[in-house]
């Protein structure tokens, strides 16, 4: 799988949140934090990148655009004391 960083390299990228952007098997645009803590489906690449920038604190160097498929996977919710 090929990856492309959307912004310049920076030493600040280590402290920022990595977000992957790409298309899912249905052709929708996906932005997803590398561990699945947040993400979303989008109608355009521009909207996915806008969301990724907003969520990662405006660090374009920490956005990685994937050439292969990416799916929006939400980690299972941990049971709460109310369950």
N, C-alpha and C. Protein backbone atom coordinates (compact mmCIF):
# COMPACT_ATOMS: atom_id res chain seq x y z
N UNK A 1 0.84 -1.17 0.00
CA UNK A 1 0.00 0.00 0.00
C UNK A 1 0.89 1.23 0.00
N UNK A 2 0.62 2.16 -0.87
CA UNK A 2 1.36 3.42 -0.93
C UNK A 2 0.72 4.43 -0.01
N UNK A 3 1.55 5.24 0.63
CA UNK A 3 1.04 6.31 1.48
C UNK A 3 1.64 7.62 1.04
N UNK A 4 0.92 8.70 1.25
CA UNK A 4 1.41 10.03 0.88
C UNK A 4 1.09 10.99 2.01
N UNK A 5 2.10 11.64 2.52
CA UNK A 5 1.87 12.68 3.52
C UNK A 5 1.35 13.91 2.79
N UNK A 6 0.36 14.57 3.39
CA UNK A 6 -0.23 15.72 2.73
C UNK A 6 0.45 17.03 3.09
N UNK A 7 1.33 17.02 4.07
CA UNK A 7 1.99 18.25 4.46
C UNK A 7 3.48 18.05 4.61
N UNK A 8 4.23 19.12 4.86
CA UNK A 8 5.68 19.02 5.01
C UNK A 8 6.06 18.29 6.29
N UNK A 9 7.25 17.69 6.29
CA UNK A 9 7.75 17.04 7.50
C UNK A 9 8.02 18.08 8.56
N UNK A 10 7.83 17.70 9.80
CA UNK A 10 8.06 18.63 10.90
C UNK A 10 8.33 17.84 12.17
N UNK A 11 9.12 18.40 13.05
CA UNK A 11 9.38 17.72 14.32
C UNK A 11 8.14 17.71 15.20
N UNK A 12 7.16 18.59 14.92
CA UNK A 12 5.95 18.63 15.72
C UNK A 12 5.02 17.46 15.42
N UNK A 13 5.26 16.74 14.32
CA UNK A 13 4.36 15.65 13.95
C UNK A 13 4.37 14.52 14.96
N UNK A 14 5.48 14.35 15.69
CA UNK A 14 5.54 13.28 16.68
C UNK A 14 4.54 13.52 17.80
N UNK A 15 4.28 14.78 18.12
CA UNK A 15 3.36 15.11 19.21
C UNK A 15 1.92 15.21 18.75
N UNK A 16 1.69 15.28 17.45
CA UNK A 16 0.32 15.45 16.95
C UNK A 16 -0.30 14.10 16.63
N UNK A 17 -1.60 14.11 16.46
CA UNK A 17 -2.37 12.91 16.21
C UNK A 17 -2.31 12.53 14.73
N UNK A 18 -1.94 11.29 14.44
CA UNK A 18 -1.88 10.80 13.06
C UNK A 18 -3.29 10.47 12.60
N UNK A 19 -3.66 10.99 11.43
CA UNK A 19 -4.97 10.71 10.84
C UNK A 19 -4.75 10.17 9.44
N UNK A 20 -5.38 9.05 9.13
CA UNK A 20 -5.33 8.47 7.80
C UNK A 20 -6.54 8.94 7.01
N UNK A 21 -6.33 9.26 5.73
CA UNK A 21 -7.39 9.68 4.83
C UNK A 21 -7.31 8.83 3.57
N UNK A 22 -8.44 8.35 3.12
CA UNK A 22 -8.49 7.55 1.90
C UNK A 22 -9.91 7.17 1.58
N UNK A 23 -10.08 6.26 0.63
CA UNK A 23 -11.41 5.81 0.23
C UNK A 23 -11.68 4.40 0.75
N UNK A 24 -12.95 4.15 1.09
CA UNK A 24 -13.33 2.80 1.50
C UNK A 24 -13.75 1.99 0.27
N UNK A 25 -14.13 0.75 0.46
CA UNK A 25 -14.47 -0.12 -0.67
C UNK A 25 -15.69 0.36 -1.45
N UNK A 26 -16.52 1.23 -0.85
CA UNK A 26 -17.68 1.79 -1.54
C UNK A 26 -17.35 3.09 -2.27
N UNK A 27 -16.13 3.56 -2.12
CA UNK A 27 -15.71 4.79 -2.79
C UNK A 27 -15.91 6.05 -1.97
N UNK A 28 -16.40 5.91 -0.74
CA UNK A 28 -16.58 7.07 0.14
C UNK A 28 -15.24 7.49 0.74
N UNK A 29 -15.09 8.75 1.02
CA UNK A 29 -13.88 9.24 1.67
C UNK A 29 -13.97 9.00 3.17
N UNK A 30 -12.87 8.55 3.74
CA UNK A 30 -12.78 8.23 5.17
C UNK A 30 -11.61 9.00 5.77
N UNK A 31 -11.81 9.55 6.94
CA UNK A 31 -10.73 10.10 7.76
C UNK A 31 -10.82 9.36 9.09
N UNK A 32 -9.70 8.79 9.53
CA UNK A 32 -9.71 7.98 10.75
C UNK A 32 -8.40 8.15 11.51
N UNK A 33 -8.51 8.43 12.79
CA UNK A 33 -7.34 8.49 13.66
C UNK A 33 -6.72 7.10 13.69
N UNK A 34 -5.42 7.01 13.74
CA UNK A 34 -4.73 5.73 13.54
C UNK A 34 -5.18 4.63 14.49
N UNK A 35 -5.63 4.98 15.69
CA UNK A 35 -6.10 3.96 16.64
C UNK A 35 -7.62 3.81 16.63
N UNK A 36 -8.30 4.58 15.78
CA UNK A 36 -9.75 4.49 15.68
C UNK A 36 -10.50 5.29 16.73
N UNK A 37 -9.82 6.22 17.41
CA UNK A 37 -10.49 7.01 18.45
C UNK A 37 -11.52 7.96 17.88
N UNK A 38 -11.32 8.41 16.66
CA UNK A 38 -12.31 9.24 15.98
C UNK A 38 -12.18 9.05 14.49
N UNK A 39 -13.21 9.42 13.78
CA UNK A 39 -13.20 9.31 12.33
C UNK A 39 -14.56 9.62 11.75
N UNK A 40 -14.63 9.61 10.43
CA UNK A 40 -15.90 9.89 9.78
C UNK A 40 -15.87 9.56 8.30
N UNK A 41 -17.06 9.55 7.70
CA UNK A 41 -17.24 9.35 6.26
C UNK A 41 -17.57 10.70 5.63
N UNK A 42 -17.03 10.94 4.43
CA UNK A 42 -17.18 12.24 3.80
C UNK A 42 -17.48 12.10 2.31
N UNK A 43 -18.12 13.13 1.76
CA UNK A 43 -18.50 13.11 0.34
C UNK A 43 -17.34 13.52 -0.56
N UNK A 44 -16.32 14.16 0.02
CA UNK A 44 -15.19 14.59 -0.81
C UNK A 44 -13.88 14.49 -0.04
N UNK A 45 -12.80 14.45 -0.80
CA UNK A 45 -11.46 14.44 -0.22
C UNK A 45 -11.25 15.71 0.59
N UNK A 46 -11.69 16.86 0.04
CA UNK A 46 -11.50 18.14 0.71
C UNK A 46 -12.16 18.15 2.09
N UNK A 47 -13.36 17.60 2.19
CA UNK A 47 -14.05 17.56 3.49
C UNK A 47 -13.35 16.62 4.46
N UNK A 48 -12.84 15.50 3.97
CA UNK A 48 -12.11 14.56 4.83
C UNK A 48 -10.84 15.20 5.36
N UNK A 49 -10.11 15.92 4.50
CA UNK A 49 -8.89 16.60 4.94
C UNK A 49 -9.20 17.73 5.91
N UNK A 50 -10.27 18.46 5.67
CA UNK A 50 -10.68 19.54 6.56
C UNK A 50 -10.97 18.99 7.96
N UNK A 51 -11.70 17.88 8.03
CA UNK A 51 -12.01 17.23 9.30
C UNK A 51 -10.73 16.75 9.99
N UNK A 52 -9.84 16.11 9.22
CA UNK A 52 -8.60 15.60 9.78
C UNK A 52 -7.78 16.73 10.40
N UNK A 53 -7.69 17.85 9.70
CA UNK A 53 -6.96 19.01 10.23
C UNK A 53 -7.59 19.56 11.50
N UNK A 54 -8.89 19.64 11.51
CA UNK A 54 -9.60 20.15 12.68
C UNK A 54 -9.35 19.25 13.89
N UNK A 55 -9.44 17.94 13.68
CA UNK A 55 -9.32 16.99 14.78
C UNK A 55 -7.90 16.77 15.27
N UNK A 56 -6.90 17.01 14.41
CA UNK A 56 -5.53 16.75 14.86
C UNK A 56 -4.79 18.03 15.26
N UNK A 57 -5.52 19.11 15.44
CA UNK A 57 -4.90 20.34 15.91
C UNK A 57 -4.18 21.12 14.83
N UNK A 58 -4.63 20.98 13.59
CA UNK A 58 -4.07 21.71 12.44
C UNK A 58 -2.61 21.36 12.18
N UNK A 59 -2.33 20.05 12.09
CA UNK A 59 -0.98 19.56 11.78
C UNK A 59 -1.03 18.77 10.47
N UNK A 60 -0.90 19.45 9.32
CA UNK A 60 -0.99 18.74 8.04
C UNK A 60 0.08 17.68 7.87
N UNK A 61 1.21 17.83 8.55
CA UNK A 61 2.28 16.84 8.44
C UNK A 61 1.91 15.52 9.09
N UNK A 62 0.83 15.50 9.89
CA UNK A 62 0.40 14.28 10.58
C UNK A 62 -0.81 13.64 9.90
N UNK A 63 -1.11 14.07 8.68
CA UNK A 63 -2.18 13.46 7.90
C UNK A 63 -1.54 12.61 6.82
N UNK A 64 -1.93 11.35 6.77
CA UNK A 64 -1.36 10.42 5.78
C UNK A 64 -2.48 9.98 4.86
N UNK A 65 -2.30 10.26 3.58
CA UNK A 65 -3.29 9.86 2.59
C UNK A 65 -2.90 8.50 2.04
N UNK A 66 -3.83 7.56 2.10
CA UNK A 66 -3.59 6.19 1.67
C UNK A 66 -4.08 5.98 0.25
N UNK A 67 -3.33 5.21 -0.53
CA UNK A 67 -3.78 4.89 -1.89
C UNK A 67 -4.65 3.64 -1.90
N UNK A 68 -4.53 2.81 -0.87
CA UNK A 68 -5.36 1.62 -0.76
C UNK A 68 -6.62 1.91 0.04
N UNK A 69 -7.46 0.90 0.19
CA UNK A 69 -8.72 1.07 0.92
C UNK A 69 -8.48 1.28 2.41
N UNK A 70 -9.37 2.07 2.99
CA UNK A 70 -9.39 2.30 4.44
C UNK A 70 -10.86 2.24 4.86
N UNK A 71 -11.12 1.56 5.94
CA UNK A 71 -12.49 1.46 6.45
C UNK A 71 -12.60 2.22 7.76
N UNK A 72 -13.77 2.74 8.01
CA UNK A 72 -14.05 3.41 9.27
C UNK A 72 -14.37 2.34 10.29
N UNK A 73 -13.43 2.07 11.18
CA UNK A 73 -13.60 1.04 12.20
C UNK A 73 -13.65 1.72 13.55
N UNK A 74 -14.76 1.55 14.22
CA UNK A 74 -14.93 2.13 15.55
C UNK A 74 -14.64 1.04 16.58
N UNK A 75 -13.72 1.31 17.54
CA UNK A 75 -13.42 0.28 18.53
C UNK A 75 -14.64 0.01 19.41
N UNK A 76 -14.74 -1.21 19.93
CA UNK A 76 -15.89 -1.53 20.79
C UNK A 76 -15.93 -0.65 22.03
N UNK A 77 -17.14 -0.32 22.45
CA UNK A 77 -17.33 0.49 23.63
C UNK A 77 -17.08 -0.37 24.86
N UNK A 78 -16.36 0.18 25.81
CA UNK A 78 -16.14 -0.55 27.07
C UNK A 78 -17.40 -0.48 27.90
N UNK A 79 -17.73 -1.57 28.59
CA UNK A 79 -18.94 -1.55 29.43
C UNK A 79 -18.82 -0.52 30.54
N UNK A 80 -19.89 0.16 30.83
CA UNK A 80 -19.88 1.13 31.93
C UNK A 80 -20.55 0.48 33.14
N UNK A 81 -20.50 1.15 34.25
CA UNK A 81 -21.11 0.60 35.45
C UNK A 81 -22.64 0.58 35.35
N UNK A 82 -23.20 1.32 34.36
CA UNK A 82 -24.65 1.35 34.17
C UNK A 82 -25.16 0.18 33.34
N UNK A 83 -24.24 -0.53 32.63
CA UNK A 83 -24.67 -1.66 31.76
C UNK A 83 -25.00 -2.89 32.55
